[in-house]
Amino acid sequence: MSGPIEGFFEQLARSTGGSLPRRASGSLRIDLEDGTTAERWLVSIEEGGVSVSHRNAKADSVIRTSKKVFEGMVTGRVNAMAAALRGVVSLEGDPTLLVLFQRALPGPPPTTTKPTAATTRDRS
């Protein structure tokens, strides 16, 4: 069974980059740290098509973060740009690719809280 990170990359490769502009091209490597181990993902974008591998290759852009933070990003619980501004995500290289990659990330999960009497009163 694959986890959220593997599932995200499988879906990204299957979607043929539907959320990315057709003119986009370049490579993005994601380096995930988990204690003493590192996991690498290489996303290659060519005219809107996307391929994903575990190659440790030179890339136009690099994202470095912990596996836990990236899992939050691919599940919509962590905003990628906010994480970068907090310094928990390191970004290198072509900023255009980094912004495009964020478009492929899901938005926040739906809230499951029910309105309380106080919030209902505030709306009236």
N, C-alpha and C. Protein backbone atom coordinates (compact mmCIF):
# COMPACT_ATOMS: atom_id res chain seq x y z
N MET A 1 0.85 -1.19 0.00
CA MET A 1 0.00 0.00 0.00
C MET A 1 0.88 1.24 0.00
N SER A 2 0.55 2.19 -0.83
CA SER A 2 1.35 3.41 -0.90
C SER A 2 0.81 4.45 0.07
N GLY A 3 1.72 5.28 0.55
CA GLY A 3 1.34 6.35 1.46
C GLY A 3 0.93 7.58 0.68
N PRO A 4 0.65 8.68 1.39
CA PRO A 4 0.19 9.90 0.72
C PRO A 4 1.20 10.47 -0.28
N ILE A 5 2.49 10.37 0.03
CA ILE A 5 3.50 10.93 -0.88
C ILE A 5 3.56 10.11 -2.16
N GLU A 6 3.63 8.80 -2.02
CA GLU A 6 3.66 7.94 -3.20
C GLU A 6 2.40 8.10 -4.02
N GLY A 7 1.26 8.18 -3.34
CA GLY A 7 -0.02 8.37 -4.03
C GLY A 7 -0.07 9.68 -4.80
N PHE A 8 0.47 10.74 -4.20
CA PHE A 8 0.50 12.04 -4.87
C PHE A 8 1.30 11.95 -6.16
N PHE A 9 2.51 11.35 -6.09
CA PHE A 9 3.34 11.28 -7.29
C PHE A 9 2.76 10.35 -8.34
N GLU A 10 2.10 9.26 -7.92
CA GLU A 10 1.44 8.38 -8.88
C GLU A 10 0.34 9.14 -9.62
N GLN A 11 -0.46 9.90 -8.87
CA GLN A 11 -1.54 10.67 -9.47
C GLN A 11 -0.99 11.77 -10.37
N LEU A 12 0.09 12.42 -9.94
CA LEU A 12 0.71 13.47 -10.75
C LEU A 12 1.17 12.92 -12.10
N ALA A 13 1.80 11.75 -12.09
CA ALA A 13 2.28 11.14 -13.33
C ALA A 13 1.11 10.70 -14.22
N ARG A 14 0.03 10.21 -13.61
CA ARG A 14 -1.14 9.77 -14.38
C ARG A 14 -1.92 10.94 -14.97
N SER A 15 -1.90 12.07 -14.26
CA SER A 15 -2.72 13.21 -14.69
C SER A 15 -2.14 13.93 -15.89
N THR A 16 -0.95 13.56 -16.30
CA THR A 16 -0.22 14.23 -17.39
C THR A 16 -0.14 15.73 -17.17
N GLY A 17 -0.04 16.12 -15.90
CA GLY A 17 0.17 17.53 -15.59
C GLY A 17 -1.01 18.42 -15.88
N GLY A 18 -2.23 17.92 -15.70
CA GLY A 18 -3.43 18.69 -16.00
C GLY A 18 -3.48 20.06 -15.37
N SER A 19 -2.88 20.23 -14.19
CA SER A 19 -2.92 21.54 -13.53
C SER A 19 -1.75 22.43 -13.94
N LEU A 20 -0.89 21.93 -14.82
CA LEU A 20 0.27 22.70 -15.26
C LEU A 20 0.05 23.25 -16.67
N PRO A 21 0.55 24.45 -16.94
CA PRO A 21 0.40 25.00 -18.29
C PRO A 21 1.12 24.15 -19.33
N ARG A 22 0.59 24.08 -20.52
CA ARG A 22 1.17 23.29 -21.61
C ARG A 22 2.59 23.74 -21.96
N ARG A 23 2.87 25.02 -21.79
CA ARG A 23 4.19 25.53 -22.17
C ARG A 23 5.26 25.28 -21.11
N ALA A 24 4.87 24.74 -19.97
CA ALA A 24 5.82 24.51 -18.89
C ALA A 24 6.80 23.40 -19.24
N SER A 25 8.07 23.60 -18.89
CA SER A 25 9.05 22.54 -19.05
C SER A 25 10.20 22.78 -18.08
N GLY A 26 10.80 21.69 -17.64
CA GLY A 26 11.92 21.76 -16.71
C GLY A 26 11.89 20.56 -15.78
N SER A 27 12.83 20.53 -14.85
CA SER A 27 12.89 19.42 -13.91
C SER A 27 12.95 19.95 -12.48
N LEU A 28 12.33 19.21 -11.60
CA LEU A 28 12.24 19.58 -10.20
C LEU A 28 12.57 18.34 -9.37
N ARG A 29 13.55 18.48 -8.48
CA ARG A 29 13.90 17.37 -7.59
C ARG A 29 13.41 17.70 -6.19
N ILE A 30 12.76 16.74 -5.56
CA ILE A 30 12.28 16.91 -4.20
C ILE A 30 13.11 15.98 -3.31
N ASP A 31 13.86 16.58 -2.38
CA ASP A 31 14.69 15.83 -1.44
C ASP A 31 13.99 15.82 -0.09
N LEU A 32 13.62 14.63 0.37
CA LEU A 32 12.91 14.48 1.62
C LEU A 32 13.81 13.82 2.66
N GLU A 33 13.97 14.47 3.78
CA GLU A 33 14.80 13.96 4.87
C GLU A 33 13.89 13.31 5.91
N ASP A 34 14.34 12.20 6.43
CA ASP A 34 13.60 11.52 7.51
C ASP A 34 14.63 10.93 8.46
N GLY A 35 15.16 11.74 9.35
CA GLY A 35 16.22 11.27 10.24
C GLY A 35 17.51 11.11 9.47
N THR A 36 17.97 9.88 9.33
CA THR A 36 19.24 9.63 8.65
C THR A 36 19.07 9.21 7.20
N THR A 37 17.83 9.03 6.75
CA THR A 37 17.60 8.59 5.37
C THR A 37 17.08 9.75 4.53
N ALA A 38 17.34 9.67 3.24
CA ALA A 38 16.86 10.67 2.30
C ALA A 38 16.11 9.97 1.17
N GLU A 39 15.03 10.56 0.76
CA GLU A 39 14.24 10.04 -0.36
C GLU A 39 14.19 11.13 -1.41
N ARG A 40 14.43 10.76 -2.65
CA ARG A 40 14.44 11.75 -3.73
C ARG A 40 13.40 11.40 -4.78
N TRP A 41 12.74 12.45 -5.27
CA TRP A 41 11.79 12.32 -6.35
C TRP A 41 12.19 13.31 -7.42
N LEU A 42 12.19 12.89 -8.66
CA LEU A 42 12.49 13.78 -9.78
C LEU A 42 11.24 13.91 -10.64
N VAL A 43 10.77 15.14 -10.78
CA VAL A 43 9.60 15.43 -11.60
C VAL A 43 10.10 16.16 -12.84
N SER A 44 9.87 15.56 -14.00
CA SER A 44 10.26 16.18 -15.27
C SER A 44 9.01 16.63 -15.99
N ILE A 45 9.00 17.90 -16.38
CA ILE A 45 7.85 18.49 -17.06
C ILE A 45 8.29 18.89 -18.46
N GLU A 46 7.57 18.40 -19.45
CA GLU A 46 7.90 18.71 -20.84
C GLU A 46 6.62 18.99 -21.60
N GLU A 47 6.40 20.25 -21.96
CA GLU A 47 5.22 20.68 -22.71
C GLU A 47 3.93 20.16 -22.09
N GLY A 48 3.83 20.29 -20.77
CA GLY A 48 2.62 19.88 -20.07
C GLY A 48 2.59 18.43 -19.64
N GLY A 49 3.45 17.57 -20.22
CA GLY A 49 3.52 16.18 -19.80
C GLY A 49 4.43 16.03 -18.59
N VAL A 50 4.12 15.09 -17.72
CA VAL A 50 4.88 14.92 -16.48
C VAL A 50 5.36 13.48 -16.36
N SER A 51 6.63 13.32 -15.97
CA SER A 51 7.13 12.00 -15.60
C SER A 51 7.75 12.11 -14.21
N VAL A 52 7.66 11.03 -13.46
CA VAL A 52 8.13 11.02 -12.08
C VAL A 52 9.03 9.80 -11.89
N SER A 53 10.16 10.02 -11.20
CA SER A 53 11.06 8.90 -10.90
C SER A 53 11.76 9.17 -9.57
N HIS A 54 12.57 8.20 -9.15
CA HIS A 54 13.37 8.35 -7.94
C HIS A 54 14.82 8.68 -8.27
N ARG A 55 15.08 9.13 -9.48
CA ARG A 55 16.46 9.42 -9.89
C ARG A 55 17.04 10.56 -9.08
N ASN A 56 18.31 10.42 -8.76
CA ASN A 56 19.05 11.48 -8.07
C ASN A 56 19.84 12.22 -9.14
N ALA A 57 19.18 13.12 -9.83
CA ALA A 57 19.79 13.81 -10.96
C ALA A 57 19.79 15.31 -10.71
N LYS A 58 20.63 16.00 -11.44
CA LYS A 58 20.63 17.46 -11.39
C LYS A 58 19.29 17.95 -11.93
N ALA A 59 18.76 19.01 -11.29
CA ALA A 59 17.45 19.53 -11.70
C ALA A 59 17.49 21.04 -11.77
N ASP A 60 16.53 21.60 -12.49
CA ASP A 60 16.42 23.05 -12.61
C ASP A 60 16.04 23.71 -11.28
N SER A 61 15.27 22.99 -10.46
CA SER A 61 14.84 23.47 -9.15
C SER A 61 14.89 22.31 -8.16
N VAL A 62 15.12 22.67 -6.90
CA VAL A 62 15.18 21.65 -5.84
C VAL A 62 14.37 22.14 -4.65
N ILE A 63 13.56 21.23 -4.11
CA ILE A 63 12.84 21.48 -2.87
C ILE A 63 13.41 20.51 -1.84
N ARG A 64 13.80 21.04 -0.67
CA ARG A 64 14.31 20.20 0.42
C ARG A 64 13.45 20.44 1.65
N THR A 65 12.97 19.36 2.24
CA THR A 65 12.18 19.45 3.46
C THR A 65 12.13 18.09 4.12
N SER A 66 11.45 18.01 5.25
CA SER A 66 11.28 16.72 5.91
C SER A 66 10.14 15.95 5.24
N LYS A 67 10.18 14.66 5.39
CA LYS A 67 9.13 13.83 4.83
C LYS A 67 7.78 14.19 5.46
N LYS A 68 7.78 14.51 6.74
CA LYS A 68 6.55 14.86 7.45
C LYS A 68 5.94 16.15 6.89
N VAL A 69 6.76 17.17 6.66
CA VAL A 69 6.25 18.43 6.10
C VAL A 69 5.71 18.20 4.69
N PHE A 70 6.44 17.44 3.88
CA PHE A 70 5.99 17.22 2.50
C PHE A 70 4.69 16.42 2.49
N GLU A 71 4.55 15.47 3.40
CA GLU A 71 3.29 14.73 3.49
C GLU A 71 2.14 15.70 3.79
N GLY A 72 2.39 16.68 4.65
CA GLY A 72 1.37 17.70 4.91
C GLY A 72 1.05 18.50 3.66
N MET A 73 2.07 18.78 2.84
CA MET A 73 1.85 19.53 1.61
C MET A 73 0.99 18.74 0.62
N VAL A 74 1.26 17.44 0.47
CA VAL A 74 0.52 16.65 -0.52
C VAL A 74 -0.87 16.25 -0.03
N THR A 75 -1.15 16.43 1.26
CA THR A 75 -2.49 16.17 1.77
C THR A 75 -3.28 17.45 1.97
N GLY A 76 -2.65 18.61 1.69
CA GLY A 76 -3.34 19.88 1.81
C GLY A 76 -3.33 20.48 3.20
N ARG A 77 -2.67 19.84 4.15
CA ARG A 77 -2.63 20.37 5.52
C ARG A 77 -1.55 21.43 5.71
N VAL A 78 -0.55 21.47 4.81
CA VAL A 78 0.54 22.44 4.91
C VAL A 78 0.61 23.22 3.60
N ASN A 79 0.61 24.54 3.69
CA ASN A 79 0.76 25.38 2.51
C ASN A 79 2.24 25.47 2.17
N ALA A 80 2.60 25.14 0.94
CA ALA A 80 4.00 25.09 0.53
C ALA A 80 4.70 26.44 0.67
N MET A 81 4.05 27.51 0.23
CA MET A 81 4.67 28.83 0.30
C MET A 81 4.84 29.28 1.74
N ALA A 82 3.85 29.04 2.58
CA ALA A 82 3.96 29.40 4.00
C ALA A 82 5.09 28.61 4.66
N ALA A 83 5.23 27.34 4.31
CA ALA A 83 6.31 26.52 4.87
C ALA A 83 7.67 27.05 4.43
N ALA A 84 7.76 27.52 3.20
CA ALA A 84 9.02 28.09 2.72
C ALA A 84 9.34 29.38 3.47
N LEU A 85 8.33 30.21 3.69
CA LEU A 85 8.55 31.46 4.42
C LEU A 85 8.94 31.21 5.88
N ARG A 86 8.43 30.10 6.46
CA ARG A 86 8.81 29.74 7.83
C ARG A 86 10.19 29.09 7.89
N GLY A 87 10.74 28.73 6.74
CA GLY A 87 12.07 28.13 6.71
C GLY A 87 12.10 26.63 6.90
N VAL A 88 10.95 25.96 6.85
CA VAL A 88 10.92 24.50 6.98
C VAL A 88 11.01 23.81 5.62
N VAL A 89 10.96 24.62 4.56
CA VAL A 89 11.16 24.12 3.20
C VAL A 89 12.23 25.00 2.56
N SER A 90 13.24 24.35 1.99
CA SER A 90 14.32 25.06 1.31
C SER A 90 14.07 24.98 -0.19
N LEU A 91 14.16 26.13 -0.86
CA LEU A 91 13.93 26.20 -2.30
C LEU A 91 15.18 26.69 -3.00
N GLU A 92 15.55 26.01 -4.09
CA GLU A 92 16.70 26.43 -4.89
C GLU A 92 16.34 26.35 -6.36
N GLY A 93 16.93 27.23 -7.14
CA GLY A 93 16.77 27.14 -8.59
C GLY A 93 15.68 28.02 -9.14
N ASP A 94 15.13 27.58 -10.26
CA ASP A 94 14.15 28.33 -11.04
C ASP A 94 12.85 28.53 -10.25
N PRO A 95 12.55 29.76 -9.83
CA PRO A 95 11.34 29.98 -9.04
C PRO A 95 10.05 29.72 -9.81
N THR A 96 10.08 29.82 -11.13
CA THR A 96 8.88 29.56 -11.92
C THR A 96 8.42 28.12 -11.75
N LEU A 97 9.36 27.18 -11.77
CA LEU A 97 9.00 25.77 -11.59
C LEU A 97 8.44 25.51 -10.20
N LEU A 98 8.99 26.19 -9.22
CA LEU A 98 8.51 26.00 -7.85
C LEU A 98 7.07 26.48 -7.71
N VAL A 99 6.75 27.61 -8.32
CA VAL A 99 5.39 28.13 -8.28
C VAL A 99 4.45 27.20 -9.05
N LEU A 100 4.90 26.72 -10.20
CA LEU A 100 4.07 25.78 -10.99
C LEU A 100 3.81 24.50 -10.22
N PHE A 101 4.82 24.00 -9.51
CA PHE A 101 4.64 22.77 -8.75
C PHE A 101 3.59 22.97 -7.66
N GLN A 102 3.58 24.13 -7.04
CA GLN A 102 2.60 24.39 -5.99
C GLN A 102 1.18 24.26 -6.54
N ARG A 103 1.00 24.59 -7.83
CA ARG A 103 -0.33 24.46 -8.45
C ARG A 103 -0.79 23.01 -8.49
N ALA A 104 0.14 22.07 -8.49
CA ALA A 104 -0.20 20.66 -8.53
C ALA A 104 -0.57 20.12 -7.15
N LEU A 105 -0.24 20.87 -6.10
CA LEU A 105 -0.55 20.42 -4.74
C LEU A 105 -2.03 20.66 -4.44
N PRO A 106 -2.62 19.79 -3.61
CA PRO A 106 -4.04 19.98 -3.29
C PRO A 106 -4.24 21.16 -2.35
N GLY A 107 -5.44 21.69 -2.36
CA GLY A 107 -5.80 22.74 -1.42
C GLY A 107 -6.08 22.15 -0.05
N PRO A 108 -6.44 22.98 0.90
CA PRO A 108 -6.70 22.48 2.25
C PRO A 108 -7.88 21.52 2.26
N PRO A 109 -7.83 20.53 3.16
CA PRO A 109 -8.96 19.61 3.26
C PRO A 109 -10.20 20.34 3.78
N PRO A 110 -11.38 19.83 3.47
CA PRO A 110 -12.59 20.49 3.96
C PRO A 110 -12.65 20.43 5.48
N THR A 111 -13.19 21.48 6.07
CA THR A 111 -13.32 21.48 7.53
C THR A 111 -14.50 20.62 7.92
N THR A 112 -14.37 19.98 9.06
CA THR A 112 -15.44 19.10 9.53
C THR A 112 -16.12 19.67 10.76
N THR A 113 -15.79 20.90 11.11
CA THR A 113 -16.42 21.49 12.29
C THR A 113 -17.80 22.00 11.93
N LYS A 114 -18.71 21.82 12.87
CA LYS A 114 -20.07 22.30 12.67
C LYS A 114 -20.18 23.69 13.30
N PRO A 115 -21.00 24.55 12.73
CA PRO A 115 -21.14 25.88 13.31
C PRO A 115 -21.71 25.81 14.72
N THR A 116 -21.18 26.63 15.58
CA THR A 116 -21.68 26.70 16.95
C THR A 116 -22.75 27.78 17.02
N ALA A 117 -23.43 27.84 18.14
CA ALA A 117 -24.47 28.85 18.32
C ALA A 117 -23.87 30.25 18.20
N ALA A 118 -22.66 30.43 18.71
CA ALA A 118 -22.02 31.75 18.66
C ALA A 118 -21.72 32.16 17.21
N THR A 119 -21.20 31.24 16.39
CA THR A 119 -20.88 31.60 15.01
C THR A 119 -22.14 31.78 14.19
N THR A 120 -23.20 31.04 14.52
CA THR A 120 -24.46 31.19 13.82
C THR A 120 -25.07 32.56 14.13
N ARG A 121 -24.98 33.00 15.39
CA ARG A 121 -25.49 34.30 15.79
C ARG A 121 -24.74 35.42 15.09
N ASP A 122 -23.40 35.26 14.92
CA ASP A 122 -22.58 36.29 14.28
C ASP A 122 -22.98 36.54 12.84
N ARG A 123 -23.54 35.54 12.18
CA ARG A 123 -23.91 35.68 10.76
C ARG A 123 -25.22 36.44 10.57
N SER A 124 -26.02 36.55 11.61
CA SER A 124 -27.31 37.20 11.44
C SER A 124 -27.22 38.69 11.41
